[in-house]
């Protein structure tokens, strides 16, 4: 990790927690980060660039997808628990698992043609 990035995140976290835990934030600010003034005089952190809405939307989608996969796995484990000796389970819950997610950067040609037809109308 880059030292400046770590220091930035620690100082931002200290500023954000200062209204809730001022003594702890002051300890981080002056004791660990070695700022010369108190955290009470520091300015609230400002974003370096505007929020990227597509990235936020992608994160929301991925969190939903992860929840769906975990819920499906839990449902499958419950079904395995209810069946008594009914064959081999479809997967071993003790082994590592992986999911591959493929992301398309554009629509297939047939869908593009439909979108263009709707836009033209």
C-alpha atoms as a PDB file:
ATOM      1  CA  UNK A   1       0.000   0.000   0.000  1.00  0.00           C
ATOM      2  CA  UNK A   2       1.072   3.529  -0.655  1.00  0.00           C
ATOM      3  CA  UNK A   3       1.922   5.481   2.515  1.00  0.00           C
ATOM      4  CA  UNK A   4       0.185   8.683   1.438  1.00  0.00           C
ATOM      5  CA  UNK A   5      -3.013   6.809   0.634  1.00  0.00           C
ATOM      6  CA  UNK A   6      -3.023   5.076   4.024  1.00  0.00           C
ATOM      7  CA  UNK A   7      -2.437   8.400   5.806  1.00  0.00           C
ATOM      8  CA  UNK A   8      -5.258  10.003   3.787  1.00  0.00           C
ATOM      9  CA  UNK A   9      -7.740   7.276   4.734  1.00  0.00           C
ATOM     10  CA  UNK A  10      -6.730   7.347   8.397  1.00  0.00           C
ATOM     11  CA  UNK A  11      -7.119  11.131   8.547  1.00  0.00           C
ATOM     12  CA  UNK A  12     -10.486  10.978   6.734  1.00  0.00           C
ATOM     13  CA  UNK A  13     -11.694   8.280   9.132  1.00  0.00           C
ATOM     14  CA  UNK A  14     -10.523  10.332  12.130  1.00  0.00           C
ATOM     15  CA  UNK A  15     -12.386  13.386  10.811  1.00  0.00           C
ATOM     16  CA  UNK A  16     -15.547  11.376  10.212  1.00  0.00           C
ATOM     17  CA  UNK A  17     -15.493   9.791  13.659  1.00  0.00           C
ATOM     18  CA  UNK A  18     -14.593  13.017  15.499  1.00  0.00           C
ATOM     19  CA  UNK A  19     -18.229  14.037  16.252  1.00  0.00           C
ATOM     20  CA  UNK A  20     -18.901  10.611  17.791  1.00  0.00           C
ATOM     21  CA  UNK A  21     -15.595   9.852  19.527  1.00  0.00           C
ATOM     22  CA  UNK A  22     -13.671  13.132  19.821  1.00  0.00           C
ATOM     23  CA  UNK A  23     -11.028  11.851  22.246  1.00  0.00           C
ATOM     24  CA  UNK A  24     -10.192   8.863  20.065  1.00  0.00           C
ATOM     25  CA  UNK A  25     -10.132  11.039  16.935  1.00  0.00           C
ATOM     26  CA  UNK A  26      -7.847  13.551  18.654  1.00  0.00           C
ATOM     27  CA  UNK A  27      -5.480  10.744  19.664  1.00  0.00           C
ATOM     28  CA  UNK A  28      -5.318   9.511  16.066  1.00  0.00           C
ATOM     29  CA  UNK A  29      -4.986  13.052  14.681  1.00  0.00           C
ATOM     30  CA  UNK A  30      -2.237  14.322  16.948  1.00  0.00           C
ATOM     31  CA  UNK A  31      -0.643  11.170  18.368  1.00  0.00           C
ATOM     32  CA  UNK A  32      -0.453   8.978  15.278  1.00  0.00           C
ATOM     33  CA  UNK A  33      -0.702  11.366  12.328  1.00  0.00           C
ATOM     34  CA  UNK A  34       1.342  14.081  14.131  1.00  0.00           C
ATOM     35  CA  UNK A  35      -0.756  17.052  12.994  1.00  0.00           C
ATOM     36  CA  UNK A  36       0.320  20.257  14.783  1.00  0.00           C
ATOM     37  CA  UNK A  37      -3.238  21.504  15.521  1.00  0.00           C
ATOM     38  CA  UNK A  38      -6.302  19.903  17.047  1.00  0.00           C
ATOM     39  CA  UNK A  39      -8.761  17.911  14.971  1.00  0.00           C
ATOM     40  CA  UNK A  40     -11.465  20.367  16.063  1.00  0.00           C
ATOM     41  CA  UNK A  41      -9.916  22.969  13.727  1.00  0.00           C
ATOM     42  CA  UNK A  42      -9.564  20.603  10.768  1.00  0.00           C
ATOM     43  CA  UNK A  43     -11.811  20.934   7.727  1.00  0.00           C
ATOM     44  CA  UNK A  44     -14.266  18.224   6.765  1.00  0.00           C
ATOM     45  CA  UNK A  45     -12.864  15.973   3.979  1.00  0.00           C
ATOM     46  CA  UNK A  46     -13.845  16.976   0.450  1.00  0.00           C
ATOM     47  CA  UNK A  47     -13.987  14.534  -2.459  1.00  0.00           C
ATOM     48  CA  UNK A  48     -11.182  14.880  -4.978  1.00  0.00           C
ATOM     49  CA  UNK A  49     -13.550  14.334  -7.941  1.00  0.00           C
ATOM     50  CA  UNK A  50     -17.300  13.906  -8.493  1.00  0.00           C
ATOM     51  CA  UNK A  51     -18.965  10.614  -7.674  1.00  0.00           C
ATOM     52  CA  UNK A  52     -18.946   8.155 -10.576  1.00  0.00           C
ATOM     53  CA  UNK A  53     -22.573   6.977 -10.748  1.00  0.00           C
ATOM     54  CA  UNK A  54     -21.951   3.949 -13.043  1.00  0.00           C
ATOM     55  CA  UNK A  55     -19.312   2.629 -10.626  1.00  0.00           C
ATOM     56  CA  UNK A  56     -21.726   3.015  -7.690  1.00  0.00           C
ATOM     57  CA  UNK A  57     -24.456   1.258  -9.700  1.00  0.00           C
ATOM     58  CA  UNK A  58     -22.063  -1.584 -10.574  1.00  0.00           C
ATOM     59  CA  UNK A  59     -21.191  -1.988  -6.877  1.00  0.00           C
ATOM     60  CA  UNK A  60     -24.881  -2.121  -5.927  1.00  0.00           C
ATOM     61  CA  UNK A  61     -25.481  -4.732  -8.628  1.00  0.00           C
ATOM     62  CA  UNK A  62     -22.527  -6.857  -7.477  1.00  0.00           C
ATOM     63  CA  UNK A  63     -23.661  -6.722  -3.828  1.00  0.00           C
ATOM     64  CA  UNK A  64     -27.117  -7.901  -4.937  1.00  0.00           C
ATOM     65  CA  UNK A  65     -25.570 -10.662  -7.031  1.00  0.00           C
ATOM     66  CA  UNK A  66     -23.404 -11.843  -4.126  1.00  0.00           C
ATOM     67  CA  UNK A  67     -26.484 -11.915  -1.865  1.00  0.00           C
ATOM     68  CA  UNK A  68     -28.419 -13.924  -4.457  1.00  0.00           C
ATOM     69  CA  UNK A  69     -25.595 -16.468  -4.784  1.00  0.00           C
ATOM     70  CA  UNK A  70     -25.252 -16.816  -1.003  1.00  0.00           C
ATOM     71  CA  UNK A  71     -29.015 -17.202  -0.565  1.00  0.00           C
ATOM     72  CA  UNK A  72     -29.078 -19.908  -3.257  1.00  0.00           C
ATOM     73  CA  UNK A  73     -26.209 -21.696  -1.522  1.00  0.00           C
ATOM     74  CA  UNK A  74     -28.007 -21.505   1.827  1.00  0.00           C
ATOM     75  CA  UNK A  75     -31.215 -22.878   0.278  1.00  0.00           C
ATOM     76  CA  UNK A  76     -29.229 -25.721  -1.265  1.00  0.00           C
ATOM     77  CA  UNK A  77     -27.583 -26.508   2.086  1.00  0.00           C
ATOM     78  CA  UNK A  78     -31.006 -26.613   3.755  1.00  0.00           C
ATOM     79  CA  UNK A  79     -32.254 -29.029   1.094  1.00  0.00           C
ATOM     80  CA  UNK A  80     -29.185 -31.220   1.632  1.00  0.00           C
ATOM     81  CA  UNK A  81     -29.888 -31.232   5.371  1.00  0.00           C
ATOM     82  CA  UNK A  82     -33.512 -32.337   4.824  1.00  0.00           C
ATOM     83  CA  UNK A  83     -32.694 -35.233   2.499  1.00  0.00           C
ATOM     84  CA  UNK A  84     -31.554 -38.305   4.370  1.00  0.00           C
ATOM     85  CA  UNK A  85     -29.290 -40.501   2.323  1.00  0.00           C
ATOM     86  CA  UNK A  86     -30.866 -39.380  -0.936  1.00  0.00           C
ATOM     87  CA  UNK A  87     -27.758 -39.574  -3.049  1.00  0.00           C
ATOM     88  CA  UNK A  88     -24.606 -37.520  -3.161  1.00  0.00           C
ATOM     89  CA  UNK A  89     -24.974 -33.800  -2.456  1.00  0.00           C
ATOM     90  CA  UNK A  90     -24.463 -31.521  -5.483  1.00  0.00           C
ATOM     91  CA  UNK A  91     -21.438 -29.885  -3.859  1.00  0.00           C
ATOM     92  CA  UNK A  92     -19.266 -30.202  -0.784  1.00  0.00           C
ATOM     93  CA  UNK A  93     -19.850 -27.147   1.461  1.00  0.00           C
ATOM     94  CA  UNK A  94     -16.393 -27.586   3.033  1.00  0.00           C
ATOM     95  CA  UNK A  95     -14.491 -27.172  -0.236  1.00  0.00           C
ATOM     96  CA  UNK A  96     -13.607 -23.722  -1.595  1.00  0.00           C
ATOM     97  CA  UNK A  97     -16.117 -22.210  -3.998  1.00  0.00           C
ATOM     98  CA  UNK A  98     -15.787 -19.753  -6.851  1.00  0.00           C
ATOM     99  CA  UNK A  99     -18.142 -17.818  -9.092  1.00  0.00           C
ATOM    100  CA  UNK A 100     -17.200 -16.311 -12.434  1.00  0.00           C
ATOM    101  CA  UNK A 101     -18.951 -13.112 -13.427  1.00  0.00           C
ATOM    102  CA  UNK A 102     -18.840 -12.047 -17.062  1.00  0.00           C
ATOM    103  CA  UNK A 103     -19.565  -8.429 -17.943  1.00  0.00           C
ATOM    104  CA  UNK A 104     -20.601  -7.322 -21.420  1.00  0.00           C
ATOM    105  CA  UNK A 105     -19.362  -3.950 -22.611  1.00  0.00           C
ATOM    106  CA  UNK A 106     -22.038  -3.658 -25.293  1.00  0.00           C
ATOM    107  CA  UNK A 107     -25.323  -5.260 -26.353  1.00  0.00           C
ATOM    108  CA  UNK A 108     -25.432  -8.095 -28.901  1.00  0.00           C
ATOM    109  CA  UNK A 109     -26.133  -6.943 -32.474  1.00  0.00           C
ATOM    110  CA  UNK A 110     -29.788  -8.032 -32.414  1.00  0.00           C
ATOM    111  CA  UNK A 111     -30.446  -6.000 -29.268  1.00  0.00           C
ATOM    112  CA  UNK A 112     -28.597  -2.996 -30.708  1.00  0.00           C
ATOM    113  CA  UNK A 113     -30.828  -3.179 -33.795  1.00  0.00           C
ATOM    114  CA  UNK A 114     -33.952  -3.205 -31.589  1.00  0.00           C
ATOM    115  CA  UNK A 115     -32.722  -0.254 -29.509  1.00  0.00           C
ATOM    116  CA  UNK A 116     -31.906   1.730 -32.654  1.00  0.00           C
ATOM    117  CA  UNK A 117     -35.360   0.952 -34.105  1.00  0.00           C
ATOM    118  CA  UNK A 118     -37.059   2.204 -30.938  1.00  0.00           C
ATOM    119  CA  UNK A 119     -34.876   5.339 -30.885  1.00  0.00           C
ATOM    120  CA  UNK A 120     -35.711   6.038 -34.529  1.00  0.00           C
ATOM    121  CA  UNK A 121     -39.441   5.746 -33.815  1.00  0.00           C
END
